[in-house]
Amino acid sequence: MLRHTAIALTGLILALTGPLGQAAAAQSTADVIAAAIADPHRPDADRKQDADRKSQQVLEFAGVKPGDTVADFIPGGGYVTRLFSKIVGAEGHVYAVVPEELFNMRKDADASVKAIAADPAYPNVTVLREPVNKFSTPVKLDMVWTSMNYHDLHDKFFGPADMAALNTAIFDALKPGGIYLVLDHAAAAGSGVRDTDTLHRIDPAVVKKEVLAAGFMLDGQSDVLHNPHDDHTLKVFNPAIRGKTDKFIFKFRKPMVAERSGSK
């Protein structure tokens, strides 16, 4: 009897951890993301962005899941903050990290995310205000996310930021295996940081080089927001392209200790 029980348990473990179990987990997470997008607490202003932002596909690619602890770095109006809150759920937590430098431009730079954190519908959201070069969170993270803001870090109003120090701080804030997701407006190949302040775009190669230099590995990239009709010459706020710019998505991963040391 005990032998048959052990065999049954072994079969159950294999089912949960094998391809079928992984597929079921992925499907379950996809359903959680879909439910977060459909959440009735989301404002109409957020819903109107859903089609262009393709959040279901983007968040599935990112890999955020229930129970995760994540940081929404430079959260703006909190579009992603709200989605993260519902996806990670009661067992997870969301830190909306607002750089101190933004308050030189807007005294209420954290007003939107403070309102989210005060809303009983989003009890797992905490707002952090700190200097851009001193990124930190109270606990280690499963993911750091920044969308359509990385280019700004190269501009004068941010200092510009010390990108080596910032990316290293993000690396240190993540758990081994943690994800750093960077989504931004693409500039022309070879343009470097020339267009960050004028067109609000950045050459994807610059982002890749800077982040990899901090010790990350490139875990994947997605073309789900690629727009071949964007020639990278217009400012992202131009009505002719706004909301439909060519965007790149890089998924970087902090290596496990064994990977960093080169051992198996």
Protein backbone atom coordinates (compact mmCIF):
# COMPACT_ATOMS: atom_id res chain seq x y z
CA MET A 1 0.00 0.00 0.00
CA LEU A 2 2.78 2.41 0.96
CA ARG A 3 4.62 1.56 -2.24
CA HIS A 4 1.55 2.39 -4.35
CA THR A 5 1.09 5.67 -2.46
CA ALA A 6 4.71 6.62 -3.09
CA ILE A 7 4.35 5.85 -6.79
CA ALA A 8 1.18 7.94 -6.96
CA LEU A 9 2.90 10.87 -5.24
CA THR A 10 5.86 10.59 -7.58
CA GLY A 11 3.50 10.65 -10.55
CA LEU A 12 1.78 13.73 -9.16
CA ILE A 13 5.09 15.56 -8.67
CA LEU A 14 6.18 14.74 -12.21
CA ALA A 15 2.85 15.94 -13.56
CA LEU A 16 3.18 19.25 -11.72
CA THR A 17 6.81 19.86 -12.66
CA GLY A 18 6.86 18.32 -16.14
CA PRO A 19 5.75 19.90 -19.42
CA LEU A 20 2.04 19.41 -18.72
CA GLY A 21 2.31 20.95 -15.27
CA GLN A 22 4.33 23.89 -16.60
CA ALA A 23 1.77 24.46 -19.36
CA ALA A 24 -1.05 24.48 -16.80
CA ALA A 25 0.85 26.98 -14.64
CA ALA A 26 1.47 29.22 -17.65
CA GLN A 27 -2.21 29.06 -18.56
CA SER A 28 -3.16 29.90 -14.99
CA THR A 29 -0.83 32.93 -14.96
CA ALA A 30 -2.22 34.08 -18.31
CA ASP A 31 -5.71 33.93 -16.79
CA VAL A 32 -4.55 35.96 -13.78
CA ILE A 33 -3.10 38.62 -16.11
CA ALA A 34 -6.32 38.70 -18.13
CA ALA A 35 -8.34 39.15 -14.94
CA ALA A 36 -6.08 42.02 -13.86
CA ILE A 37 -6.63 43.78 -17.18
CA ALA A 38 -10.40 43.25 -16.86
CA ASP A 39 -10.46 44.50 -13.25
CA PRO A 40 -13.35 46.98 -12.82
CA HIS A 41 -11.29 49.23 -10.52
CA ARG A 42 -9.05 50.29 -13.41
CA PRO A 43 -9.78 53.82 -14.67
CA ASP A 44 -11.02 54.44 -18.21
CA ALA A 45 -7.77 56.28 -19.01
CA ASP A 46 -5.88 53.03 -18.44
CA ARG A 47 -8.33 50.91 -20.41
CA LYS A 48 -7.97 53.17 -23.42
CA GLN A 49 -4.26 52.33 -23.55
CA ASP A 50 -4.68 48.56 -23.43
CA ALA A 51 -4.91 47.92 -27.17
CA ASP A 52 -1.77 49.89 -28.00
CA ARG A 53 0.22 48.60 -25.02
CA LYS A 54 -0.73 44.93 -25.63
CA SER A 55 -0.41 44.35 -21.92
CA GLN A 56 -1.52 40.71 -21.96
CA GLN A 57 1.30 39.69 -24.30
CA VAL A 58 3.87 41.98 -22.72
CA LEU A 59 3.18 40.88 -19.15
CA GLU A 60 3.17 37.20 -20.14
CA PHE A 61 6.57 37.73 -21.78
CA ALA A 62 7.87 39.53 -18.68
CA GLY A 63 6.93 36.54 -16.53
CA VAL A 64 5.32 38.34 -13.59
CA LYS A 65 3.19 35.95 -11.56
CA PRO A 66 1.17 35.61 -8.36
CA GLY A 67 3.28 35.92 -5.22
CA ASP A 68 6.04 37.99 -6.85
CA THR A 69 7.62 41.05 -5.26
CA VAL A 70 8.13 43.64 -7.98
CA ALA A 71 9.26 47.24 -8.41
CA ASP A 72 7.62 49.54 -10.93
CA PHE A 73 10.49 51.97 -11.46
CA ILE A 74 9.31 55.44 -12.55
CA PRO A 75 5.63 54.42 -12.48
CA GLY A 76 4.13 57.64 -13.89
CA GLY A 77 0.36 57.47 -13.62
CA GLY A 78 0.46 53.91 -12.31
CA TYR A 79 -0.85 52.05 -15.36
CA VAL A 80 1.44 49.09 -14.72
CA THR A 81 1.33 49.52 -10.93
CA ARG A 82 -2.37 48.67 -10.86
CA LEU A 83 -1.91 45.64 -13.09
CA PHE A 84 1.01 44.36 -11.02
CA SER A 85 -1.01 44.74 -7.82
CA LYS A 86 -3.74 42.44 -9.08
CA ILE A 87 -1.36 39.93 -10.67
CA VAL A 88 0.97 39.39 -7.69
CA GLY A 89 -2.00 39.30 -5.33
CA ALA A 90 -2.13 39.11 -1.56
CA GLU A 91 1.03 37.01 -1.33
CA GLY A 92 3.04 39.47 -3.44
CA HIS A 93 3.96 43.13 -3.17
CA VAL A 94 4.49 46.10 -5.50
CA TYR A 95 6.92 48.95 -4.86
CA ALA A 96 6.23 52.04 -6.96
CA VAL A 97 9.69 53.65 -7.02
CA VAL A 98 9.64 57.38 -7.78
CA PRO A 99 13.06 59.03 -8.23
CA GLU A 100 13.67 62.15 -6.16
CA GLU A 101 14.79 64.07 -9.26
CA LEU A 102 11.28 64.04 -10.72
CA PHE A 103 10.08 66.35 -7.96
CA ASN A 104 12.22 69.14 -9.42
CA MET A 105 9.84 69.06 -12.39
CA ARG A 106 6.58 68.24 -10.61
CA LYS A 107 5.94 68.70 -6.91
CA ASP A 108 3.27 66.01 -7.13
CA ALA A 109 5.35 63.48 -9.08
CA ASP A 110 4.15 60.65 -6.87
CA ALA A 111 0.52 61.78 -6.52
CA SER A 112 -0.95 59.14 -8.84
CA VAL A 113 0.77 56.18 -7.23
CA LYS A 114 0.13 57.52 -3.73
CA ALA A 115 -3.56 57.53 -4.59
CA ILE A 116 -3.28 53.92 -5.76
CA ALA A 117 -1.50 52.88 -2.56
CA ALA A 118 -4.24 54.56 -0.50
CA ASP A 119 -7.00 52.76 -2.41
CA PRO A 120 -8.30 49.66 -0.54
CA ALA A 121 -8.47 47.90 -3.92
CA TYR A 122 -4.64 47.94 -4.05
CA PRO A 123 -3.49 47.08 -0.51
CA ASN A 124 -0.18 45.56 -1.62
CA VAL A 125 1.29 48.76 -3.12
CA THR A 126 3.98 50.83 -1.38
CA VAL A 127 5.40 54.07 -2.77
CA LEU A 128 9.15 54.70 -2.39
CA ARG A 129 10.81 58.07 -3.02
CA GLU A 130 14.59 57.99 -3.36
CA PRO A 131 17.50 59.42 -5.41
CA VAL A 132 17.79 57.79 -8.80
CA ASN A 133 21.35 56.57 -8.21
CA LYS A 134 20.41 54.94 -4.90
CA PHE A 135 17.73 52.52 -6.03
CA SER A 136 16.77 50.21 -3.18
CA THR A 137 13.82 48.32 -1.77
CA PRO A 138 13.16 46.89 1.71
CA VAL A 139 13.30 43.30 0.44
CA LYS A 140 14.83 41.45 -2.48
CA LEU A 141 12.78 41.52 -5.67
CA ASP A 142 11.60 39.03 -8.28
CA MET A 143 11.35 41.76 -10.92
CA VAL A 144 12.24 45.37 -11.64
CA TRP A 145 10.20 46.88 -14.43
CA THR A 146 10.62 50.19 -16.21
CA SER A 147 8.60 51.15 -19.25
CA MET A 148 9.15 54.10 -21.59
CA ASN A 149 11.46 55.81 -19.08
CA TYR A 150 14.95 54.39 -19.51
CA HIS A 151 15.77 57.03 -22.13
CA ASP A 152 14.93 59.81 -19.64
CA LEU A 153 17.67 58.64 -17.32
CA HIS A 154 20.22 59.99 -19.79
CA ASP A 155 18.76 63.50 -19.73
CA LYS A 156 19.83 66.58 -17.76
CA PHE A 157 16.87 66.63 -15.39
CA PHE A 158 18.03 63.29 -14.00
CA GLY A 159 21.58 64.51 -13.58
CA PRO A 160 21.92 62.59 -15.92
CA ALA A 161 21.77 59.41 -13.88
CA ASP A 162 24.89 57.38 -13.26
CA MET A 163 23.74 54.42 -15.33
CA ALA A 164 26.46 52.10 -14.08
CA ALA A 165 25.55 52.83 -10.45
CA LEU A 166 21.81 52.59 -11.10
CA ASN A 167 21.92 49.30 -13.01
CA THR A 168 24.24 47.83 -10.40
CA ALA A 169 21.83 48.90 -7.65
CA ILE A 170 18.96 47.23 -9.51
CA PHE A 171 21.09 44.11 -9.92
CA ASP A 172 21.76 44.07 -6.18
CA ALA A 173 18.06 44.58 -5.34
CA LEU A 174 17.02 41.47 -7.27
CA LYS A 175 17.01 37.90 -6.07
CA PRO A 176 19.28 35.49 -7.98
CA GLY A 177 17.34 34.68 -11.14
CA GLY A 178 15.35 37.91 -10.85
CA ILE A 179 14.20 39.81 -13.94
CA TYR A 180 14.96 43.37 -15.07
CA LEU A 181 12.45 44.30 -17.78
CA VAL A 182 13.21 47.37 -19.91
CA LEU A 183 10.63 48.60 -22.43
CA ASP A 184 11.23 51.83 -24.34
CA HIS A 185 10.79 53.81 -27.54
CA ALA A 186 13.35 52.79 -30.14
CA ALA A 187 15.65 55.33 -31.77
CA ALA A 188 17.51 54.79 -35.02
CA ALA A 189 20.23 52.16 -34.92
CA GLY A 190 23.60 53.74 -34.19
CA SER A 191 22.09 56.93 -32.74
CA GLY A 192 23.21 56.16 -29.21
CA VAL A 193 21.70 58.64 -26.74
CA ARG A 194 21.42 61.48 -29.28
CA ASP A 195 17.61 61.48 -29.28
CA THR A 196 16.80 60.85 -25.63
CA ASP A 197 15.96 64.48 -24.84
CA THR A 198 14.61 65.59 -28.22
CA LEU A 199 12.59 62.65 -29.54
CA HIS A 200 12.39 60.73 -26.23
CA ARG A 201 13.88 57.65 -27.85
CA ILE A 202 17.00 55.57 -27.26
CA ASP A 203 19.07 53.19 -29.35
CA PRO A 204 18.31 49.68 -28.06
CA ALA A 205 22.00 48.79 -28.36
CA VAL A 206 22.85 51.36 -25.68
CA VAL A 207 20.38 49.85 -23.23
CA LYS A 208 21.68 46.35 -23.85
CA LYS A 209 25.30 47.41 -23.39
CA GLU A 210 24.66 49.34 -20.18
CA VAL A 211 22.55 46.67 -18.51
CA LEU A 212 24.81 43.77 -19.45
CA ALA A 213 27.75 45.71 -18.02
CA ALA A 214 26.09 45.50 -14.60
CA GLY A 215 26.28 41.69 -14.66
CA PHE A 216 22.90 40.80 -16.14
CA MET A 217 22.27 38.17 -18.81
CA LEU A 218 19.91 38.81 -21.72
CA ASP A 219 17.11 36.33 -21.09
CA GLY A 220 15.00 37.30 -24.11
CA GLN A 221 13.55 40.10 -26.18
CA SER A 222 10.14 40.63 -27.69
CA ASP A 223 8.95 42.30 -30.88
CA VAL A 224 5.31 42.42 -29.78
CA LEU A 225 5.45 46.26 -29.78
CA HIS A 226 7.63 46.57 -32.87
CA ASN A 227 6.20 48.93 -35.48
CA PRO A 228 7.99 48.70 -38.85
CA HIS A 229 6.16 51.82 -40.06
CA ASP A 230 7.84 54.03 -37.45
CA ASP A 231 10.97 55.50 -39.06
CA HIS A 232 12.30 56.78 -35.68
CA THR A 233 12.33 60.44 -36.80
CA LEU A 234 9.27 61.75 -34.92
CA LYS A 235 8.98 62.77 -31.30
CA VAL A 236 7.00 60.11 -29.43
CA PHE A 237 4.32 62.69 -28.55
CA ASN A 238 3.65 63.57 -32.18
CA PRO A 239 -0.03 62.75 -32.90
CA ALA A 240 1.01 60.88 -36.04
CA ILE A 241 2.84 58.24 -33.96
CA ARG A 242 1.80 58.68 -30.33
CA GLY A 243 0.92 55.36 -28.72
CA LYS A 244 2.19 53.44 -31.73
CA THR A 245 5.94 54.06 -31.66
CA ASP A 246 8.36 51.26 -32.41
CA LYS A 247 9.26 49.86 -28.99
CA PHE A 248 11.79 47.27 -27.87
CA ILE A 249 11.43 45.00 -24.86
CA PHE A 250 14.50 43.46 -23.22
CA LYS A 251 14.20 40.85 -20.49
CA PHE A 252 17.42 40.72 -18.50
CA ARG A 253 18.06 38.18 -15.75
CA LYS A 254 20.32 38.26 -12.73
CA PRO A 255 22.33 35.03 -12.93
CA MET A 256 22.14 32.39 -10.27
CA VAL A 257 25.32 32.15 -8.15
CA ALA A 258 26.48 29.06 -10.02
CA GLU A 259 26.06 30.82 -13.35
CA ARG A 260 28.05 33.84 -12.16
CA SER A 261 30.93 31.67 -10.95
CA GLY A 262 30.88 29.56 -14.09
CA SER A 263 30.28 26.34 -12.14
CA LYS A 264 27.47 23.85 -12.67
